[in-house]
Amino acid sequence: MIVIEQAEKQFKKDAEQFIAARKYLPFIIVEPFITTNGGQGHRDTSIYPYSKAVWDEIDKVSICKFDMDGLQSIIKDVKKNYAGTDKIFITGFEAGTHLVWAFIF
């Protein structure tokens, strides 16, 4: 299950809530750091673990392309490293739905 965080950017807290709700169900919970959930906080290292070089690349390719490429890489990594299946679930909240809709379309 891919969880896309809203504009508050509480990535860890949000993931922990999904993990707690999952209990013992066999879901792999993934909450990526995304940049398409509102513009505030970009380049803030207390929110995002990205270097200046990564932010420069994001500015160059666009936040949507960066997030879509990252999402595809995460899906491949989960399948390869954690025996994830081809079937995925994706959910997002508030500004997080920007990436959810882009992924669906």
Protein backbone atom coordinates (compact mmCIF):
# COMPACT_ATOMS: atom_id res chain seq x y z
CA MET A 1 0.00 0.00 0.00
CA ILE A 2 1.44 3.33 -1.06
CA VAL A 3 0.38 6.20 1.16
CA ILE A 4 0.79 9.74 -0.19
CA GLU A 5 1.02 12.39 2.50
CA GLN A 6 -0.88 15.65 2.51
CA ALA A 7 0.46 19.21 2.67
CA GLU A 8 1.37 18.92 6.37
CA LYS A 9 4.27 16.64 5.37
CA GLN A 10 4.04 14.43 8.45
CA PHE A 11 5.48 11.48 6.53
CA LYS A 12 6.60 9.35 9.49
CA LYS A 13 3.50 10.03 11.61
CA ASP A 14 1.21 9.18 8.71
CA ALA A 15 3.07 5.94 7.95
CA GLU A 16 2.92 4.93 11.62
CA GLN A 17 -0.87 5.43 11.62
CA PHE A 18 -1.25 3.14 8.61
CA ILE A 19 1.06 0.56 10.16
CA ALA A 20 -1.00 0.59 13.37
CA ALA A 21 -4.27 0.26 11.42
CA ARG A 22 -2.84 -2.61 9.35
CA LYS A 23 -2.26 -4.69 12.49
CA TYR A 24 -1.27 -8.14 11.20
CA LEU A 25 -2.61 -7.91 7.67
CA PRO A 26 -0.01 -8.78 5.02
CA PHE A 27 0.38 -5.29 3.56
CA ILE A 28 3.69 -3.58 2.91
CA ILE A 29 3.19 0.09 3.82
CA VAL A 30 5.23 2.60 1.82
CA GLU A 31 5.13 6.34 2.41
CA PRO A 32 7.55 8.10 0.05
CA PHE A 33 8.82 11.62 0.50
CA ILE A 34 6.98 13.46 -2.26
CA THR A 35 7.23 17.03 -3.49
CA THR A 36 3.86 17.36 -5.24
CA ASN A 37 1.91 17.82 -2.00
CA GLY A 38 2.12 21.59 -1.81
CA GLY A 39 5.04 23.97 -2.30
CA GLN A 40 5.78 24.93 1.29
CA GLY A 41 8.83 23.31 2.84
CA HIS A 42 10.74 22.67 -0.36
CA ARG A 43 14.48 22.63 0.25
CA ASP A 44 13.84 22.42 4.02
CA THR A 45 16.13 19.65 5.29
CA SER A 46 14.03 19.19 8.44
CA ILE A 47 11.20 17.99 6.16
CA TYR A 48 12.94 16.46 3.16
CA PRO A 49 16.13 14.37 3.19
CA TYR A 50 17.20 15.76 -0.18
CA SER A 51 20.48 17.49 -0.94
CA LYS A 52 20.82 20.75 -2.85
CA ALA A 53 21.84 18.71 -5.92
CA VAL A 54 18.62 16.70 -5.73
CA TRP A 55 16.54 19.87 -5.40
CA ASP A 56 18.36 21.33 -8.39
CA GLU A 57 17.42 18.20 -10.35
CA ILE A 58 13.79 18.48 -9.17
CA ASP A 59 13.71 22.09 -10.38
CA LYS A 60 15.13 20.94 -13.71
CA VAL A 61 12.75 18.02 -14.41
CA SER A 62 9.64 19.19 -12.47
CA ILE A 63 8.23 18.03 -9.16
CA CYS A 64 5.65 15.80 -10.83
CA LYS A 65 8.17 13.95 -13.01
CA PHE A 66 10.51 13.55 -10.03
CA ASP A 67 7.73 12.07 -7.90
CA MET A 68 6.35 9.83 -10.67
CA ASP A 69 9.81 8.45 -11.47
CA GLY A 70 10.46 7.94 -7.77
CA LEU A 71 7.15 6.16 -7.30
CA GLN A 72 7.91 3.78 -10.15
CA SER A 73 11.34 3.06 -8.64
CA ILE A 74 9.82 2.39 -5.22
CA ILE A 75 7.32 -0.05 -6.71
CA LYS A 76 10.13 -1.93 -8.47
CA ASP A 77 12.27 -1.97 -5.30
CA VAL A 78 9.42 -3.28 -3.12
CA LYS A 79 8.68 -6.05 -5.62
CA LYS A 80 12.34 -7.01 -5.86
CA ASN A 81 13.47 -6.62 -2.24
CA TYR A 82 10.32 -7.45 -0.27
CA ALA A 83 8.41 -9.88 -2.50
CA GLY A 84 5.78 -7.27 -3.27
CA THR A 85 3.09 -8.19 -5.76
CA ASP A 86 2.08 -6.58 -9.03
CA LYS A 87 -1.16 -5.44 -7.39
CA ILE A 88 -0.75 -2.18 -5.48
CA PHE A 89 -3.05 0.09 -3.56
CA ILE A 90 -2.45 3.83 -3.50
CA THR A 91 -4.15 6.42 -1.37
CA GLY A 92 -3.56 10.08 -0.68
CA PHE A 93 -5.00 12.90 1.34
CA GLU A 94 -5.65 16.53 0.53
CA ALA A 95 -2.68 17.82 -1.54
CA GLY A 96 -1.29 14.28 -1.65
CA THR A 97 -3.99 13.39 -4.14
CA HIS A 98 -2.15 15.42 -6.79
CA LEU A 99 0.30 12.55 -7.20
CA VAL A 100 -2.39 9.88 -6.75
CA TRP A 101 -4.41 11.29 -9.66
CA ALA A 102 -1.31 11.74 -11.82
CA PHE A 103 -0.37 8.11 -11.13
CA ILE A 104 -3.88 6.86 -11.94
CA PHE A 105 -4.07 8.80 -15.20
